[in-house]
């Protein structure tokens, strides 16, 4: 098997985890001739020095330092830009991912000639009820807006084609929503995306920074990417509902000879406006998609 894989890990204030996890990861890469890119995302603790001290002995390890914190997605995008291999895989720096799963996903993407494989945590215990509720809500929203056969859309372990990743990073945010948006972009662009079960361990140290604002940001970015690739699925249902509501509201008044209801007129006009906006958005979407293809 040709070893043509780069492992990317974003690190932000993970000094305790990195002390334990990074030596294991480096040894794993060394024995398999994988490349490793560690992006220190403006950490304010001792993460930068720990990464530098551990990794400086190895030529296959590349450390990139952000002067300021750019966010989870921003760190991964930096790692993607620095990747030179055909495939790359993203994993978290908290030690929760099992390294043997990296090799399993790499073998699978070669075997299936897939463009992306998502490491699925389906069926495993969630860290908290709040996070489970947030993930299920986001998944429910996405499935209403587009056909989706992937369960774990925000998994931190994904392996994909580096060339395609570099092509699409401009569409992805710097926030935690990066994982979701990159996946949805691959799906919208009709690339082969598969899902494979992986194992998750407890955090080595530290605590997660995911919050309510993370979920809100993710929903906003999902709406943005849907509007980019398929705006009609948002604007047309709203237009149809407004027009239908206006007709049903105004028809009884009209049949009773009481003229046309102002509310019905406003509702129907709103529907026509949304319909027109959908057509305009669709034209803008076609232009933007053409720019991506070029």
Protein backbone atom coordinates (compact mmCIF):
# COMPACT_ATOMS: atom_id res chain seq x y z
CA UNK A 1 0.00 0.00 0.00
CA UNK A 2 1.40 3.33 -1.06
CA UNK A 3 1.68 5.62 1.95
CA UNK A 4 0.29 8.84 0.53
CA UNK A 5 -1.48 10.25 3.56
CA UNK A 6 -1.14 13.37 5.70
CA UNK A 7 -2.64 13.50 9.18
CA UNK A 8 -3.78 16.98 10.23
CA UNK A 9 -4.45 17.91 13.84
CA UNK A 10 -5.52 21.37 14.99
CA UNK A 11 -4.39 22.21 18.51
CA UNK A 12 -5.63 24.99 20.76
CA UNK A 13 -4.70 25.00 24.45
CA UNK A 14 -4.27 21.23 24.59
CA UNK A 15 -0.91 21.03 26.35
CA UNK A 16 -1.92 18.25 28.74
CA UNK A 17 -3.39 16.11 25.97
CA UNK A 18 -0.48 16.73 23.60
CA UNK A 19 2.10 15.55 26.14
CA UNK A 20 0.49 12.12 26.06
CA UNK A 21 -1.08 11.89 22.62
CA UNK A 22 1.51 13.52 20.33
CA UNK A 23 4.39 11.04 21.01
CA UNK A 24 1.99 8.17 20.26
CA UNK A 25 0.86 9.84 17.05
CA UNK A 26 4.41 10.52 15.89
CA UNK A 27 5.42 6.90 16.48
CA UNK A 28 2.31 5.77 14.60
CA UNK A 29 3.19 7.97 11.60
CA UNK A 30 6.85 6.93 11.70
CA UNK A 31 6.13 3.22 11.41
CA UNK A 32 3.72 3.79 8.49
CA UNK A 33 5.54 6.59 6.64
CA UNK A 34 2.60 8.98 7.05
CA UNK A 35 3.06 12.75 7.03
CA UNK A 36 1.92 14.78 10.02
CA UNK A 37 0.88 18.44 10.10
CA UNK A 38 0.21 19.97 13.52
CA UNK A 39 -1.38 23.42 13.51
CA UNK A 40 -0.99 25.33 16.77
CA UNK A 41 -3.95 27.69 16.56
CA UNK A 42 -2.68 30.59 18.65
CA UNK A 43 -2.62 28.64 21.92
CA UNK A 44 -2.11 30.71 25.05
CA UNK A 45 -0.78 27.80 27.09
CA UNK A 46 2.41 25.81 26.50
CA UNK A 47 1.08 23.83 23.51
CA UNK A 48 3.42 25.51 21.01
CA UNK A 49 6.59 24.62 22.96
CA UNK A 50 5.43 21.07 23.62
CA UNK A 51 4.70 20.46 19.92
CA UNK A 52 7.98 22.05 18.86
CA UNK A 53 10.05 20.07 21.36
CA UNK A 54 8.51 16.71 20.51
CA UNK A 55 8.31 17.15 16.73
CA UNK A 56 11.61 18.86 15.86
CA UNK A 57 13.47 15.54 15.61
CA UNK A 58 11.29 14.23 12.78
CA UNK A 59 11.34 15.38 9.17
CA UNK A 60 7.84 14.03 8.45
CA UNK A 61 6.31 16.32 11.10
CA UNK A 62 5.42 19.89 10.15
CA UNK A 63 4.49 22.40 12.82
CA UNK A 64 2.57 25.52 11.77
CA UNK A 65 1.90 28.28 14.30
CA UNK A 66 -0.93 30.78 14.08
CA UNK A 67 -0.11 34.04 15.84
CA UNK A 68 -3.77 34.42 16.80
CA UNK A 69 -6.58 31.93 17.21
CA UNK A 70 -8.36 31.46 13.86
CA UNK A 71 -10.73 28.73 14.94
CA UNK A 72 -11.01 24.98 14.39
CA UNK A 73 -11.79 25.30 10.70
CA UNK A 74 -9.11 27.92 10.16
CA UNK A 75 -6.49 25.60 11.63
CA UNK A 76 -7.56 22.67 9.46
CA UNK A 77 -7.59 24.86 6.35
CA UNK A 78 -3.99 25.84 7.09
CA UNK A 79 -3.11 22.16 7.41
CA UNK A 80 -4.84 21.34 4.13
CA UNK A 81 -2.91 24.07 2.32
CA UNK A 82 0.34 22.58 3.64
CA UNK A 83 -0.55 18.99 2.66
CA UNK A 84 1.31 17.48 -0.29
CA UNK A 85 -0.07 13.93 -0.29
CA UNK A 86 -3.01 12.60 -2.31
CA UNK A 87 -5.13 12.05 0.79
CA UNK A 88 -5.45 13.75 4.16
CA UNK A 89 -7.23 12.87 7.36
CA UNK A 90 -8.28 15.18 10.17
CA UNK A 91 -8.26 14.03 13.79
CA UNK A 92 -8.60 15.85 17.09
CA UNK A 93 -5.71 16.71 19.40
CA UNK A 94 -7.51 15.58 22.57
CA UNK A 95 -6.57 11.92 22.12
CA UNK A 96 -10.15 10.69 21.66
CA UNK A 97 -9.56 9.11 18.26
CA UNK A 98 -8.11 5.61 17.99
CA UNK A 99 -5.06 5.69 15.71
CA UNK A 100 -5.80 2.26 14.24
CA UNK A 101 -8.94 3.81 12.74
CA UNK A 102 -6.74 6.15 10.70
CA UNK A 103 -5.16 3.18 8.97
CA UNK A 104 -8.56 1.50 8.55
CA UNK A 105 -10.08 4.56 6.85
CA UNK A 106 -7.02 5.00 4.64
CA UNK A 107 -7.19 1.41 3.40
CA UNK A 108 -10.92 1.81 2.79
CA UNK A 109 -10.64 5.01 0.75
CA UNK A 110 -8.05 3.30 -1.46
CA UNK A 111 -10.16 0.17 -1.80
CA UNK A 112 -13.42 2.01 -2.59
CA UNK A 113 -11.79 4.84 -4.58
CA UNK A 114 -13.98 7.19 -2.53
CA UNK A 115 -13.56 10.96 -2.30
CA UNK A 116 -14.37 11.18 1.41
CA UNK A 117 -14.98 8.72 4.22
CA UNK A 118 -16.53 9.91 7.46
CA UNK A 119 -15.55 8.19 10.70
CA UNK A 120 -18.94 7.55 12.27
CA UNK A 121 -19.54 7.55 16.03
CA UNK A 122 -23.11 6.27 15.58
CA UNK A 123 -24.27 4.14 18.49
CA UNK A 124 -21.57 5.34 20.86
CA UNK A 125 -22.36 7.19 24.07
CA UNK A 126 -22.43 10.97 23.74
CA UNK A 127 -20.39 13.16 26.05
CA UNK A 128 -23.58 14.87 27.27
CA UNK A 129 -27.31 15.01 26.64
CA UNK A 130 -26.90 18.63 25.48
CA UNK A 131 -24.42 17.67 22.75
CA UNK A 132 -26.59 14.75 21.64
CA UNK A 133 -29.61 17.04 21.35
CA UNK A 134 -27.59 19.61 19.39
CA UNK A 135 -26.22 17.04 16.95
CA UNK A 136 -29.63 15.47 16.38
CA UNK A 137 -31.20 18.89 15.76
CA UNK A 138 -28.54 19.83 13.20
CA UNK A 139 -28.87 16.46 11.48
CA UNK A 140 -32.66 16.83 11.34
CA UNK A 141 -32.31 20.28 9.75
CA UNK A 142 -29.81 19.08 7.14
CA UNK A 143 -31.97 16.10 6.13
CA UNK A 144 -34.92 18.43 5.57
CA UNK A 145 -32.84 20.60 3.23
CA UNK A 146 -30.96 17.99 1.22
CA UNK A 147 -30.67 14.23 0.62
CA UNK A 148 -28.27 12.91 3.24
CA UNK A 149 -27.14 9.34 3.84
CA UNK A 150 -24.40 10.24 6.34
CA UNK A 151 -25.26 9.99 10.04
CA UNK A 152 -22.31 11.63 11.81
CA UNK A 153 -21.96 14.84 9.79
CA UNK A 154 -19.82 16.67 12.35
CA UNK A 155 -17.33 13.90 13.06
CA UNK A 156 -13.80 15.24 13.57
CA UNK A 157 -12.27 12.22 11.82
CA UNK A 158 -12.71 12.44 8.06
CA UNK A 159 -10.38 11.27 5.32
CA UNK A 160 -10.62 12.85 1.89
CA UNK A 161 -8.96 13.72 -1.37
CA UNK A 162 -6.51 16.57 -0.82
CA UNK A 163 -7.01 18.11 -4.27
CA UNK A 164 -10.75 18.40 -3.72
CA UNK A 165 -10.26 19.74 -0.20
CA UNK A 166 -8.01 22.52 -1.49
CA UNK A 167 -10.61 23.31 -4.13
CA UNK A 168 -13.39 23.77 -1.58
CA UNK A 169 -11.72 25.32 1.48
CA UNK A 170 -12.73 28.81 0.35
CA UNK A 171 -16.37 27.77 0.91
CA UNK A 172 -15.74 26.56 4.45
CA UNK A 173 -15.82 28.69 7.60
CA UNK A 174 -13.03 29.02 10.15
CA UNK A 175 -15.35 27.93 12.93
CA UNK A 176 -16.32 24.50 14.30
CA UNK A 177 -18.86 24.30 11.47
CA UNK A 178 -15.99 23.52 9.08
CA UNK A 179 -16.49 19.73 9.34
CA UNK A 180 -20.18 19.92 8.47
CA UNK A 181 -19.74 22.33 5.57
CA UNK A 182 -16.86 20.44 3.94
CA UNK A 183 -18.94 17.25 4.07
CA UNK A 184 -22.03 18.94 2.63
CA UNK A 185 -19.94 20.50 -0.12
CA UNK A 186 -18.60 17.08 -1.16
CA UNK A 187 -22.16 15.72 -1.19
CA UNK A 188 -23.57 18.65 -3.15
CA UNK A 189 -20.78 18.37 -5.71
CA UNK A 190 -21.69 14.69 -6.28
CA UNK A 191 -18.49 13.18 -4.93
CA UNK A 192 -18.47 9.69 -3.47
CA UNK A 193 -18.88 10.06 0.30
CA UNK A 194 -19.01 6.97 2.52
CA UNK A 195 -19.26 6.36 6.26
CA UNK A 196 -17.38 3.87 8.39
CA UNK A 197 -17.73 3.16 12.13
CA UNK A 198 -14.85 4.27 14.36
CA UNK A 199 -14.13 4.06 18.08
CA UNK A 200 -13.96 6.98 20.47
CA UNK A 201 -12.03 7.10 23.75
CA UNK A 202 -12.47 9.52 26.66
CA UNK A 203 -10.51 12.76 26.44
CA UNK A 204 -6.89 12.42 27.55
CA UNK A 205 -7.14 15.76 29.39
CA UNK A 206 -8.79 19.18 29.24
CA UNK A 207 -12.39 19.91 28.29
CA UNK A 208 -14.37 20.56 25.14
CA UNK A 209 -14.99 24.13 23.97
CA UNK A 210 -18.24 23.27 22.13
CA UNK A 211 -21.15 25.43 23.32
CA UNK A 212 -24.59 26.72 22.32
CA UNK A 213 -22.95 29.37 20.14
CA UNK A 214 -21.16 26.56 18.27
CA UNK A 215 -24.51 24.99 17.36
CA UNK A 216 -25.98 28.33 16.29
CA UNK A 217 -22.93 29.08 14.14
CA UNK A 218 -23.16 25.63 12.56
CA UNK A 219 -26.84 26.09 11.65
CA UNK A 220 -26.06 29.48 10.11
CA UNK A 221 -23.24 28.04 7.99
CA UNK A 222 -25.42 25.12 6.88
CA UNK A 223 -28.07 27.57 5.69
CA UNK A 224 -25.37 29.50 3.82
CA UNK A 225 -24.10 26.44 1.97
CA UNK A 226 -27.64 25.30 1.12
CA UNK A 227 -28.45 28.75 -0.27
CA UNK A 228 -25.24 28.60 -2.31
CA UNK A 229 -25.87 25.20 -3.90
CA UNK A 230 -29.66 24.86 -3.85
CA UNK A 231 -31.41 28.14 -2.94
CA UNK A 232 -34.71 27.03 -4.51
CA UNK A 233 -35.23 24.44 -1.76
CA UNK A 234 -35.43 27.30 0.75
CA UNK A 235 -37.10 30.13 -1.15
CA UNK A 236 -39.71 28.19 -3.13
CA UNK A 237 -41.36 26.40 -0.17
CA UNK A 238 -41.63 29.72 1.65
CA UNK A 239 -43.10 31.33 -1.48
CA UNK A 240 -45.59 28.48 -1.93
CA UNK A 241 -46.68 28.66 1.72
CA UNK A 242 -47.21 32.44 1.60
CA UNK A 243 -49.22 32.31 -1.63
CA UNK A 244 -51.31 29.35 -0.47
CA UNK A 245 -51.94 30.95 2.92
CA UNK A 246 -52.96 34.21 1.21
CA UNK A 247 -55.44 32.41 -1.06
CA UNK A 248 -56.96 30.36 1.77
CA UNK A 249 -57.17 33.45 3.97
CA UNK A 250 -58.66 35.75 1.35
CA UNK A 251 -61.01 33.38 -0.48
CA UNK A 252 -63.78 33.34 2.19
CA UNK A 253 -63.84 37.17 2.25
CA UNK A 254 -64.08 37.23 -1.55
CA UNK A 255 -66.90 34.65 -1.67
CA UNK A 256 -68.85 36.59 0.95
CA UNK A 257 -68.59 39.72 -1.20
CA UNK A 258 -66.43 41.55 1.34
CA UNK A 259 -63.65 42.31 -1.11
CA UNK A 260 -60.04 41.20 -0.91
CA UNK A 261 -58.41 40.96 2.51
CA UNK A 262 -55.36 43.15 3.07
CA UNK A 263 -53.70 40.27 4.88
CA UNK A 264 -54.25 38.00 1.89
CA UNK A 265 -52.74 40.57 -0.48
CA UNK A 266 -49.68 41.00 1.73
CA UNK A 267 -49.23 37.23 2.03
CA UNK A 268 -49.52 36.64 -1.73
CA UNK A 269 -47.18 39.53 -2.54
CA UNK A 270 -44.68 38.15 -0.01
CA UNK A 271 -44.86 34.78 -1.77
CA UNK A 272 -44.20 36.42 -5.14
CA UNK A 273 -41.22 38.28 -3.66
CA UNK A 274 -39.75 35.08 -2.17
CA UNK A 275 -40.27 33.31 -5.50
CA UNK A 276 -38.42 36.09 -7.32
CA UNK A 277 -35.61 36.08 -4.76
CA UNK A 278 -35.31 32.32 -5.27
CA UNK A 279 -34.85 32.80 -9.02
CA UNK A 280 -32.23 35.50 -8.46
CA UNK A 281 -30.44 33.38 -5.87
CA UNK A 282 -30.44 30.44 -8.28
CA UNK A 283 -28.76 32.56 -10.95
CA UNK A 284 -26.13 33.76 -8.47
CA UNK A 285 -25.63 30.16 -7.36
CA UNK A 286 -24.95 29.07 -10.95
CA UNK A 287 -22.33 31.82 -11.33
CA UNK A 288 -20.64 30.89 -8.05
CA UNK A 289 -20.61 27.18 -8.93
CA UNK A 290 -19.07 27.99 -12.28
CA UNK A 291 -16.30 29.91 -10.49
CA UNK A 292 -15.65 26.84 -8.30
CA UNK A 293 -15.42 24.56 -11.34
CA UNK A 294 -13.01 26.92 -13.07
